Each structure stands twice: as C-alpha cells, then as structure tokens.
Amino acid sequence: MRDDYETLRLGHPSPDILVVTLDRPQASNAMNTQMGRDLMELFEELQIRFDGLRCVVVTGSGEKAFCAGGDLKERRGMTDEAWQAQHAIFERMMRAVVACPLPLIAAVNGAAYGGGCELAAAVDFVYAAETARFALTEVTLGIMPGAGGTQNLPRAVGMRRAKEIILTGQAFTAAQGAQWGLVNRVVPLADLMEATLATARRIADNAPIAVRQAKQSVHRGMQMSLWDGMAFEIEAYNRMVPTEDRREGINAFNEKRKPVFRGR
C-alpha cells in the first residue's frame, strides 16, 4: 500500500491502525477529482490486502472542515459529460468505502457538508467534535445527494428525519447528529483524535477475523429478512470455529491473561 497520495495524508499511530486525513485544507478538504481517485484507490486496495491493519480512521486536515463536499470551483463550467465522468469516480469511491472489510471510523473535526456528510454516513460510526456541523446541501445547488446520502442517511437516522435533512438542505450540529443517530459520540475538538484512537485501539486489540466477520454480518444482514440475516450470521460465525484466534481467546480467558490475536 503506497502512502504518497496527492490529496491524502496517511498515518500509523500503531502498525495496525491507519489514519487517513483528507488533506486539502486550502479548499476546506473539498473533494475534487483527484481526491476521489485517491480515496477510490486506497479503499479498493484495502479490500484485497490489509498489511496488518485492523482499523481505519478518516478525518480532515485542520480544525474547520472534515470535508466541505464536492469542489464546486473545479466543477464550475464542467460540461454535462465531464460532470458525469467525475461523478462516476465518486460513485466507485463510495462503494469502495462502504465495502471496506476493516472497521472504519470517521473523526469529524469540522464541517461535513454534501459529500463530506455522505462520507460520514457511509462509515461504520462517527465521533465528532462539538463544533462539527453536518448538512446535505445538494438540493440548494440544483442537484441531489448522489454518493449514498439518500441510502446511508435514512439507515442511520430513520426515513422521516433523513427526508427533512435532505429536502431542506439545512445544517445540523454534532449534538443533533448524536440525538438522531448519525453521530456516536461528541467530544471537544482537542480530544477528538484521542477519543477516536482509543476506540480504534480497542477494536484493533480484538480478534481481527472475528471483527471483520461481525461487521460483514451486520452490513449484509441489514439488507435481508430477519431469517436470512440469522442464516448469514451463522455462516459468518462458523468461519471463527477453526481459527487459531478462537482457541487463543478461550485459552487466554481460562488462563486469566490478555489474548494475543494473530488473525489466523
């Protein structure tokens, strides 16, 4: 996995945790074509190789913006064909984010508007700074959410609340996001990364195959009937039985020590 992306900064607070920072602070970390390509490449790579990673955190550069959405300066004057070609990149990028097999946490440090809000809604869960604000403003610009916003947001906050957010284009606070179900935890900006990384560390300490299978079971099961979801869960569960990690977990419990999981 390379670490020299033009619009992203990659960091490793530990070898098994990856921090992805959207790094266009001069443009409020707005998503231009290159950022779409960079995120697409990174998250498609994470589908086929982990390089020892067990958890991923996404955040924004600076203190004011997580991601301000699509870069409207780049989009000004685009032909219809160029716009749709760019959006095809964003669509593929978001599918790669949603399909990420590793636990994915957003540390929303500031404004998450448009595509930035859609990105936050697409990850597994969100920690947000007290000063963060969210909005899906697309209808105020003559378009509509097109990177999963009309699908992921209702799954997080419910259909009626999502309609209100999407159809008004009105911004809402991190506290409201927590009340409605989009945000898991609200903390002071100065504590955001520490709190997020503490949770990432707790996840990374767990059995990695079990964590990935559990995540997939929740994701897939939410698209199925209860009975089909329960059947899928058992298939995912049975993947754990022959693993070294399952035996290590049971042995460590009985020996009253911390388990050492190796992802095998």
Protein backbone atom coordinates (compact mmCIF):
# COMPACT_ATOMS: atom_id res chain seq x y z
CA MET A 1 0.00 0.00 0.00
CA ARG A 2 1.52 3.31 -1.05
CA ASP A 3 1.44 6.39 1.17
CA ASP A 4 2.16 9.23 -1.25
CA TYR A 5 -1.34 10.27 -2.28
CA GLU A 6 -1.73 13.81 -3.58
CA THR A 7 -4.81 14.70 -1.52
CA LEU A 8 -4.48 12.34 1.46
CA ARG A 9 -2.09 12.00 4.37
CA LEU A 10 -1.70 8.53 5.81
CA GLY A 11 -0.52 7.99 9.38
CA HIS A 12 0.07 4.98 11.59
CA PRO A 13 -0.31 5.70 15.31
CA SER A 14 0.38 1.97 15.60
CA PRO A 15 1.14 -0.62 12.91
CA ASP A 16 -2.42 -1.97 12.95
CA ILE A 17 -4.29 1.37 12.83
CA LEU A 18 -4.40 3.60 9.74
CA VAL A 19 -5.40 7.27 9.93
CA VAL A 20 -6.49 8.74 6.59
CA THR A 21 -6.53 12.55 6.59
CA LEU A 22 -8.34 14.40 3.82
CA ASP A 23 -5.67 16.96 3.02
CA ARG A 24 -6.89 19.93 1.03
CA PRO A 25 -7.16 22.49 3.85
CA GLN A 26 -6.97 25.42 1.43
CA ALA A 27 -10.30 24.18 -0.01
CA SER A 28 -11.91 23.03 3.26
CA ASN A 29 -10.91 19.50 2.25
CA ALA A 30 -13.45 19.62 -0.56
CA MET A 31 -13.48 16.56 -2.76
CA ASN A 32 -12.01 17.20 -6.18
CA THR A 33 -11.47 14.61 -8.88
CA GLN A 34 -8.02 13.71 -7.56
CA MET A 35 -9.30 13.12 -4.03
CA GLY A 36 -11.99 10.87 -5.44
CA ARG A 37 -9.34 8.90 -7.30
CA ASP A 38 -7.08 8.74 -4.25
CA LEU A 39 -9.83 7.51 -1.92
CA MET A 40 -11.04 5.05 -4.53
CA GLU A 41 -7.56 3.58 -4.97
CA LEU A 42 -6.90 3.39 -1.23
CA PHE A 43 -10.17 1.73 -0.26
CA GLU A 44 -10.15 -0.66 -3.20
CA GLU A 45 -6.66 -1.71 -2.12
CA LEU A 46 -7.94 -2.32 1.42
CA GLN A 47 -10.41 -4.82 0.02
CA ILE A 48 -7.62 -7.14 -1.14
CA ARG A 49 -4.77 -6.53 1.31
CA PHE A 50 -4.63 -5.30 4.88
CA ASP A 51 -0.86 -5.10 5.51
CA GLY A 52 -1.53 -5.94 9.15
CA LEU A 53 -4.18 -3.25 9.57
CA ARG A 54 -7.13 -3.86 11.88
CA CYS A 55 -8.92 -0.48 11.98
CA VAL A 56 -9.10 2.68 9.85
CA VAL A 57 -9.88 6.26 10.93
CA VAL A 58 -10.83 9.01 8.45
CA THR A 59 -10.55 12.68 9.43
CA GLY A 60 -9.96 16.09 7.87
CA SER A 61 -6.96 18.38 7.86
CA GLY A 62 -7.19 21.44 10.11
CA GLU A 63 -9.82 22.43 12.64
CA LYS A 64 -12.60 23.89 10.49
CA ALA A 65 -13.58 21.24 7.98
CA PHE A 66 -13.86 17.48 7.73
CA CYS A 67 -14.92 17.72 4.09
CA ALA A 68 -16.94 20.51 2.50
CA GLY A 69 -18.33 18.20 -0.19
CA GLY A 70 -17.61 18.33 -3.90
CA ASP A 71 -15.20 21.03 -5.05
CA LEU A 72 -17.59 23.48 -6.72
CA LYS A 73 -14.76 25.63 -8.04
CA GLU A 74 -13.46 22.66 -10.01
CA ARG A 75 -16.98 21.85 -11.14
CA ARG A 76 -17.78 25.36 -12.41
CA GLY A 77 -18.05 25.28 -16.18
CA MET A 78 -17.90 21.48 -16.42
CA THR A 79 -19.79 20.01 -19.34
CA ASP A 80 -22.51 17.50 -18.54
CA GLU A 81 -20.24 14.73 -19.80
CA ALA A 82 -17.30 15.85 -17.63
CA TRP A 83 -19.56 16.16 -14.59
CA GLN A 84 -20.91 12.64 -15.04
CA ALA A 85 -17.43 11.24 -15.65
CA GLN A 86 -16.24 12.81 -12.40
CA HIS A 87 -19.26 11.56 -10.53
CA ALA A 88 -18.60 8.02 -11.74
CA ILE A 89 -15.31 8.23 -9.84
CA PHE A 90 -17.12 9.43 -6.71
CA GLU A 91 -19.65 6.62 -7.03
CA ARG A 92 -16.95 3.97 -7.29
CA MET A 93 -15.04 5.58 -4.43
CA MET A 94 -18.06 5.49 -2.12
CA ARG A 95 -18.79 1.88 -2.97
CA ALA A 96 -15.21 1.05 -2.01
CA VAL A 97 -15.65 2.88 1.31
CA VAL A 98 -18.87 1.03 2.10
CA ALA A 99 -17.26 -2.29 1.12
CA CYS A 100 -14.19 -1.75 3.33
CA PRO A 101 -13.84 -5.01 5.34
CA LEU A 102 -11.97 -3.26 8.15
CA PRO A 103 -13.79 -1.24 10.84
CA LEU A 104 -13.94 2.35 9.63
CA ILE A 105 -14.45 5.31 11.98
CA ALA A 106 -14.90 8.95 10.97
CA ALA A 107 -13.39 11.58 13.28
CA VAL A 108 -15.39 14.57 12.08
CA ASN A 109 -13.34 17.60 13.09
CA GLY A 110 -15.41 20.32 11.41
CA ALA A 111 -17.90 20.94 8.62
CA ALA A 112 -19.14 17.78 6.89
CA TYR A 113 -21.28 19.10 4.07
CA GLY A 114 -22.55 17.42 0.93
CA GLY A 115 -20.20 14.59 0.05
CA GLY A 116 -18.47 15.04 3.40
CA CYS A 117 -21.72 14.25 5.19
CA GLU A 118 -22.27 11.32 2.83
CA LEU A 119 -18.81 10.01 3.68
CA ALA A 120 -19.58 10.27 7.39
CA ALA A 121 -22.86 8.40 6.86
CA ALA A 122 -21.07 5.65 4.90
CA VAL A 123 -18.54 4.64 7.58
CA ASP A 124 -19.22 2.26 10.47
CA PHE A 125 -19.64 5.01 13.05
CA VAL A 126 -18.81 8.63 13.76
CA TYR A 127 -17.10 10.57 16.54
CA ALA A 128 -17.49 14.32 16.13
CA ALA A 129 -16.07 17.49 17.59
CA GLU A 130 -18.54 19.72 19.44
CA THR A 131 -18.02 22.34 16.74
CA ALA A 132 -18.71 19.98 13.81
CA ARG A 133 -21.70 20.62 11.62
CA PHE A 134 -23.36 18.43 9.03
CA ALA A 135 -25.55 19.09 6.02
CA LEU A 136 -26.67 17.61 2.73
CA THR A 137 -26.98 20.82 0.75
CA GLU A 138 -27.30 19.36 -2.73
CA VAL A 139 -30.90 20.41 -3.38
CA THR A 140 -29.88 24.04 -2.78
CA LEU A 141 -27.49 23.65 -5.73
CA GLY A 142 -29.88 22.06 -8.20
CA ILE A 143 -28.71 18.50 -7.64
CA MET A 144 -29.33 15.78 -5.03
CA PRO A 145 -27.16 13.53 -2.88
CA GLY A 146 -25.52 11.06 -5.23
CA ALA A 147 -22.83 9.36 -3.13
CA GLY A 148 -25.06 7.21 -0.96
CA GLY A 149 -26.65 10.02 1.02
CA THR A 150 -30.24 9.04 0.25
CA GLN A 151 -29.45 5.46 1.28
CA ASN A 152 -26.99 5.62 4.18
CA LEU A 153 -28.52 8.58 5.99
CA PRO A 154 -32.01 7.02 6.35
CA ARG A 155 -30.36 3.88 7.68
CA ALA A 156 -28.66 5.99 10.35
CA VAL A 157 -31.36 8.48 11.36
CA GLY A 158 -34.58 7.00 10.00
CA MET A 159 -36.51 7.84 6.84
CA ARG A 160 -38.54 10.80 8.11
CA ARG A 161 -35.56 12.61 9.66
CA ALA A 162 -33.46 11.90 6.57
CA LYS A 163 -36.13 13.41 4.34
CA GLU A 164 -36.14 16.56 6.45
CA ILE A 165 -32.35 16.85 6.28
CA ILE A 166 -32.13 16.13 2.55
CA LEU A 167 -35.13 18.13 1.33
CA THR A 168 -34.35 21.28 3.33
CA GLY A 169 -30.58 21.25 2.91
CA GLN A 170 -30.38 22.71 6.41
CA ALA A 171 -27.28 22.19 8.54
CA PHE A 172 -27.38 20.47 11.91
CA THR A 173 -24.99 20.28 14.84
CA ALA A 174 -22.93 17.37 16.13
CA ALA A 175 -25.22 17.22 19.18
CA GLN A 176 -28.26 16.90 16.92
CA GLY A 177 -26.44 14.27 14.89
CA ALA A 178 -25.88 12.30 18.09
CA GLN A 179 -29.51 12.68 19.14
CA TRP A 180 -30.70 11.47 15.74
CA GLY A 181 -28.32 8.52 15.40
CA LEU A 182 -25.70 9.70 12.88
CA VAL A 183 -23.03 10.50 15.48
CA ASN A 184 -21.98 8.05 18.18
CA ARG A 185 -20.04 10.43 20.41
CA VAL A 186 -19.45 14.18 20.67
CA VAL A 187 -16.24 15.44 22.28
CA PRO A 188 -14.26 18.69 22.43
CA LEU A 189 -12.18 19.21 19.30
CA ALA A 190 -8.95 18.95 21.29
CA ASP A 191 -9.95 15.46 22.46
CA LEU A 192 -11.37 14.15 19.19
CA MET A 193 -8.44 12.14 17.87
CA GLU A 194 -7.50 10.81 21.28
CA ALA A 195 -11.05 9.54 21.84
CA THR A 196 -11.29 8.11 18.32
CA LEU A 197 -7.93 6.38 18.51
CA ALA A 198 -8.76 4.92 21.91
CA THR A 199 -11.78 3.22 20.34
CA ALA A 200 -9.74 2.18 17.30
CA ARG A 201 -7.18 0.68 19.65
CA ARG A 202 -9.86 -1.28 21.49
CA ILE A 203 -11.16 -2.66 18.19
CA ALA A 204 -7.66 -3.46 16.94
CA ASP A 205 -6.95 -5.46 20.10
CA ASN A 206 -9.83 -7.82 19.32
CA ALA A 207 -9.63 -10.86 17.07
CA PRO A 208 -9.36 -9.38 13.54
CA ILE A 209 -11.14 -12.16 11.63
CA ALA A 210 -13.98 -12.09 14.16
CA VAL A 211 -14.25 -8.30 13.89
CA ARG A 212 -14.36 -8.38 10.09
CA GLN A 213 -16.92 -11.17 10.03
CA ALA A 214 -19.10 -9.43 12.61
CA LYS A 215 -19.01 -6.20 10.60
CA GLN A 216 -19.98 -8.03 7.42
CA SER A 217 -22.77 -9.87 9.20
CA VAL A 218 -24.31 -6.58 10.37
CA HIS A 219 -23.91 -4.97 6.93
CA ARG A 220 -25.32 -7.87 4.95
CA GLY A 221 -27.98 -8.76 7.48
CA MET A 222 -29.48 -5.27 7.34
CA GLN A 223 -30.27 -5.89 3.67
CA MET A 224 -32.03 -9.21 4.36
CA SER A 225 -35.06 -10.56 6.13
CA LEU A 226 -34.51 -11.50 9.77
CA TRP A 227 -34.41 -15.21 8.94
CA ASP A 228 -31.95 -14.79 6.06
CA GLY A 229 -29.83 -12.48 8.20
CA MET A 230 -29.69 -15.04 11.00
CA ALA A 231 -28.64 -17.72 8.50
CA PHE A 232 -25.90 -15.41 7.18
CA GLU A 233 -24.77 -14.75 10.74
CA ILE A 234 -24.27 -18.47 11.37
CA GLU A 235 -22.20 -18.79 8.20
CA ALA A 236 -20.05 -15.89 9.39
CA TYR A 237 -19.86 -17.42 12.87
CA ASN A 238 -18.72 -20.79 11.58
CA ARG A 239 -15.73 -19.06 9.98
CA MET A 240 -14.46 -18.46 13.54
CA VAL A 241 -14.55 -22.03 14.78
CA PRO A 242 -11.41 -23.39 13.07
CA THR A 243 -9.25 -20.31 13.72
CA GLU A 244 -6.21 -20.09 15.97
CA ASP A 245 -7.67 -16.87 17.38
CA ARG A 246 -10.77 -18.69 18.64
CA ARG A 247 -8.61 -21.17 20.53
CA GLU A 248 -6.35 -18.37 21.79
CA GLY A 249 -9.32 -16.39 23.08
CA ILE A 250 -10.71 -19.31 25.06
CA ASN A 251 -7.30 -20.32 26.41
CA ALA A 252 -6.49 -16.74 27.46
CA PHE A 253 -9.81 -16.45 29.31
CA ASN A 254 -9.19 -19.65 31.23
CA GLU A 255 -5.57 -18.72 31.92
CA LYS A 256 -6.62 -15.24 33.11
CA ARG A 257 -4.39 -13.37 30.67
CA LYS A 258 -4.85 -10.99 27.75
CA PRO A 259 -5.21 -12.84 24.44
CA VAL A 260 -2.75 -12.30 21.62
CA PHE A 261 -4.70 -12.47 18.38
CA ARG A 262 -2.80 -13.05 15.14
CA GLY A 263 -5.56 -13.05 12.56
CA ARG A 264 -5.24 -16.74 11.87
